[in-house]
Amino acid sequence: MHANAHPAVDGLRAARLRAGLTQERLAVAAGCSGGYVRLLERGFAPEHSAVLPRLLAVIATEADRRTAPVNDDGTAANGPAGEERDDGAQHTE
């Protein structure tokens, strides 16, 4: 890791791969370039990166989406907050 790099950069590549994201897809979703993601993954990052929190948020969201329970038809098993469930109960988060 680069001497002045943010500590979160250390596990960025592994987290991105676990979330099933390519560098380009992550970059587009976070609003930066694929080249910047590549630099971050190599440890070349400023100590205070405004982009890093966005990258981590995209990774977390994608990881959550990939691990969320789904119904047989591919829809989310736990419908949106406030949605009425089949058993008549109100679903809340």
C-alpha atoms as a PDB file:
ATOM      1  CA  MET A   1       0.000   0.000   0.000  1.00  0.00           C
ATOM      2  CA  HIS A   2       1.232   3.511  -0.798  1.00  0.00           C
ATOM      3  CA  ALA A   3       2.568   5.356   2.250  1.00  0.00           C
ATOM      4  CA  ASN A   4      -0.204   7.961   2.182  1.00  0.00           C
ATOM      5  CA  ALA A   5      -3.048   5.677   1.107  1.00  0.00           C
ATOM      6  CA  HIS A   6      -6.307   5.379   2.989  1.00  0.00           C
ATOM      7  CA  PRO A   7      -6.471   2.112   5.031  1.00  0.00           C
ATOM      8  CA  ALA A   8      -9.716   1.037   3.317  1.00  0.00           C
ATOM      9  CA  VAL A   9      -7.860   0.761   0.004  1.00  0.00           C
ATOM     10  CA  ASP A  10      -6.103  -2.370   1.284  1.00  0.00           C
ATOM     11  CA  GLY A  11      -9.135  -4.641   0.847  1.00  0.00           C
ATOM     12  CA  LEU A  12     -10.797  -2.818  -2.045  1.00  0.00           C
ATOM     13  CA  ARG A  13      -9.978  -5.387  -4.741  1.00  0.00           C
ATOM     14  CA  ALA A  14     -11.040  -8.363  -2.625  1.00  0.00           C
ATOM     15  CA  ALA A  15     -14.309  -6.650  -1.643  1.00  0.00           C
ATOM     16  CA  ARG A  16     -15.004  -5.715  -5.273  1.00  0.00           C
ATOM     17  CA  LEU A  17     -14.439  -9.286  -6.417  1.00  0.00           C
ATOM     18  CA  ARG A  18     -16.647 -10.710  -3.632  1.00  0.00           C
ATOM     19  CA  ALA A  19     -19.404  -8.341  -4.794  1.00  0.00           C
ATOM     20  CA  GLY A  20     -19.007  -9.619  -8.357  1.00  0.00           C
ATOM     21  CA  LEU A  21     -18.041  -6.234  -9.795  1.00  0.00           C
ATOM     22  CA  THR A  22     -15.531  -5.424 -12.500  1.00  0.00           C
ATOM     23  CA  GLN A  23     -13.331  -2.365 -12.090  1.00  0.00           C
ATOM     24  CA  GLU A  24     -15.228  -0.615 -14.885  1.00  0.00           C
ATOM     25  CA  ARG A  25     -18.679  -1.423 -13.520  1.00  0.00           C
ATOM     26  CA  LEU A  26     -17.654  -0.225 -10.060  1.00  0.00           C
ATOM     27  CA  ALA A  27     -16.166   2.948 -11.524  1.00  0.00           C
ATOM     28  CA  VAL A  28     -19.296   3.792 -13.521  1.00  0.00           C
ATOM     29  CA  ALA A  29     -21.563   3.190 -10.516  1.00  0.00           C
ATOM     30  CA  ALA A  30     -19.353   5.338  -8.260  1.00  0.00           C
ATOM     31  CA  GLY A  31     -18.870   8.111 -10.808  1.00  0.00           C
ATOM     32  CA  CYS A  32     -15.139   7.804 -11.402  1.00  0.00           C
ATOM     33  CA  SER A  33     -12.838   6.265 -14.011  1.00  0.00           C
ATOM     34  CA  GLY A  34     -11.737   2.668 -14.221  1.00  0.00           C
ATOM     35  CA  GLY A  35      -8.169   3.955 -14.173  1.00  0.00           C
ATOM     36  CA  TYR A  36      -8.765   5.535 -10.785  1.00  0.00           C
ATOM     37  CA  VAL A  37     -10.112   2.245  -9.404  1.00  0.00           C
ATOM     38  CA  ARG A  38      -7.026   0.473 -10.768  1.00  0.00           C
ATOM     39  CA  LEU A  39      -4.754   3.004  -9.052  1.00  0.00           C
ATOM     40  CA  LEU A  40      -6.616   2.607  -5.767  1.00  0.00           C
ATOM     41  CA  GLU A  41      -6.355  -1.173  -5.921  1.00  0.00           C
ATOM     42  CA  ARG A  42      -2.618  -0.863  -6.451  1.00  0.00           C
ATOM     43  CA  GLY A  43      -2.361   1.299  -3.341  1.00  0.00           C
ATOM     44  CA  PHE A  44      -1.870   4.649  -5.026  1.00  0.00           C
ATOM     45  CA  ALA A  45      -4.495   6.755  -3.347  1.00  0.00           C
ATOM     46  CA  PRO A  46      -4.592  10.059  -1.550  1.00  0.00           C
ATOM     47  CA  GLU A  47      -5.040   9.851   2.196  1.00  0.00           C
ATOM     48  CA  HIS A  48      -8.399  11.622   1.860  1.00  0.00           C
ATOM     49  CA  SER A  49     -10.257  10.376  -1.194  1.00  0.00           C
ATOM     50  CA  ALA A  50     -13.755  11.729  -1.826  1.00  0.00           C
ATOM     51  CA  VAL A  51     -14.375   8.823  -4.214  1.00  0.00           C
ATOM     52  CA  LEU A  52     -13.470   6.011  -1.820  1.00  0.00           C
ATOM     53  CA  PRO A  53     -16.674   6.256   0.283  1.00  0.00           C
ATOM     54  CA  ARG A  54     -18.737   6.073  -2.944  1.00  0.00           C
ATOM     55  CA  LEU A  55     -16.804   3.018  -4.112  1.00  0.00           C
ATOM     56  CA  LEU A  56     -17.317   1.282  -0.778  1.00  0.00           C
ATOM     57  CA  ALA A  57     -21.036   2.145  -0.807  1.00  0.00           C
ATOM     58  CA  VAL A  58     -21.460   0.640  -4.293  1.00  0.00           C
ATOM     59  CA  ILE A  59     -19.601  -2.505  -3.222  1.00  0.00           C
ATOM     60  CA  ALA A  60     -21.734  -2.848  -0.070  1.00  0.00           C
ATOM     61  CA  THR A  61     -24.970  -2.326  -1.991  1.00  0.00           C
ATOM     62  CA  GLU A  62     -24.023  -4.873  -4.637  1.00  0.00           C
ATOM     63  CA  ALA A  63     -22.890  -7.390  -2.015  1.00  0.00           C
ATOM     64  CA  ASP A  64     -26.197  -6.960  -0.152  1.00  0.00           C
ATOM     65  CA  ARG A  65     -28.154  -7.371  -3.384  1.00  0.00           C
ATOM     66  CA  ARG A  66     -26.253 -10.544  -4.241  1.00  0.00           C
ATOM     67  CA  THR A  67     -26.880 -12.104  -0.836  1.00  0.00           C
ATOM     68  CA  ALA A  68     -30.500 -10.988  -0.342  1.00  0.00           C
ATOM     69  CA  PRO A  69     -33.043 -13.818  -0.220  1.00  0.00           C
ATOM     70  CA  VAL A  70     -35.112 -14.189  -3.391  1.00  0.00           C
ATOM     71  CA  ASN A  71     -38.305 -15.967  -4.357  1.00  0.00           C
ATOM     72  CA  ASP A  72     -38.435 -18.605  -7.094  1.00  0.00           C
ATOM     73  CA  ASP A  73     -39.432 -15.911  -9.603  1.00  0.00           C
ATOM     74  CA  GLY A  74     -36.350 -13.811  -8.761  1.00  0.00           C
ATOM     75  CA  THR A  75     -38.155 -11.096  -6.795  1.00  0.00           C
ATOM     76  CA  ALA A  76     -36.962 -10.033  -3.356  1.00  0.00           C
ATOM     77  CA  ALA A  77     -38.257 -12.369  -0.657  1.00  0.00           C
ATOM     78  CA  ASN A  78     -38.695  -9.491   1.795  1.00  0.00           C
ATOM     79  CA  GLY A  79     -40.713  -6.940  -0.185  1.00  0.00           C
ATOM     80  CA  PRO A  80     -40.128  -3.209   0.217  1.00  0.00           C
ATOM     81  CA  ALA A  81     -40.708  -1.654   3.636  1.00  0.00           C
ATOM     82  CA  GLY A  82     -44.367  -1.040   4.321  1.00  0.00           C
ATOM     83  CA  GLU A  83     -45.528  -3.504   1.688  1.00  0.00           C
ATOM     84  CA  GLU A  84     -48.319  -5.829   2.743  1.00  0.00           C
ATOM     85  CA  ARG A  85     -47.245  -9.460   2.854  1.00  0.00           C
ATOM     86  CA  ASP A  86     -49.278 -12.465   1.673  1.00  0.00           C
ATOM     87  CA  ASP A  87     -50.177 -13.330   5.277  1.00  0.00           C
ATOM     88  CA  GLY A  88     -51.790  -9.909   5.753  1.00  0.00           C
ATOM     89  CA  ALA A  89     -49.051  -8.645   8.070  1.00  0.00           C
ATOM     90  CA  GLN A  90     -47.284  -5.391   7.401  1.00  0.00           C
ATOM     91  CA  HIS A  91     -43.606  -5.731   6.429  1.00  0.00           C
ATOM     92  CA  THR A  92     -41.357  -3.126   8.061  1.00  0.00           C
ATOM     93  CA  GLU A  93     -37.606  -2.659   8.182  1.00  0.00           C
END
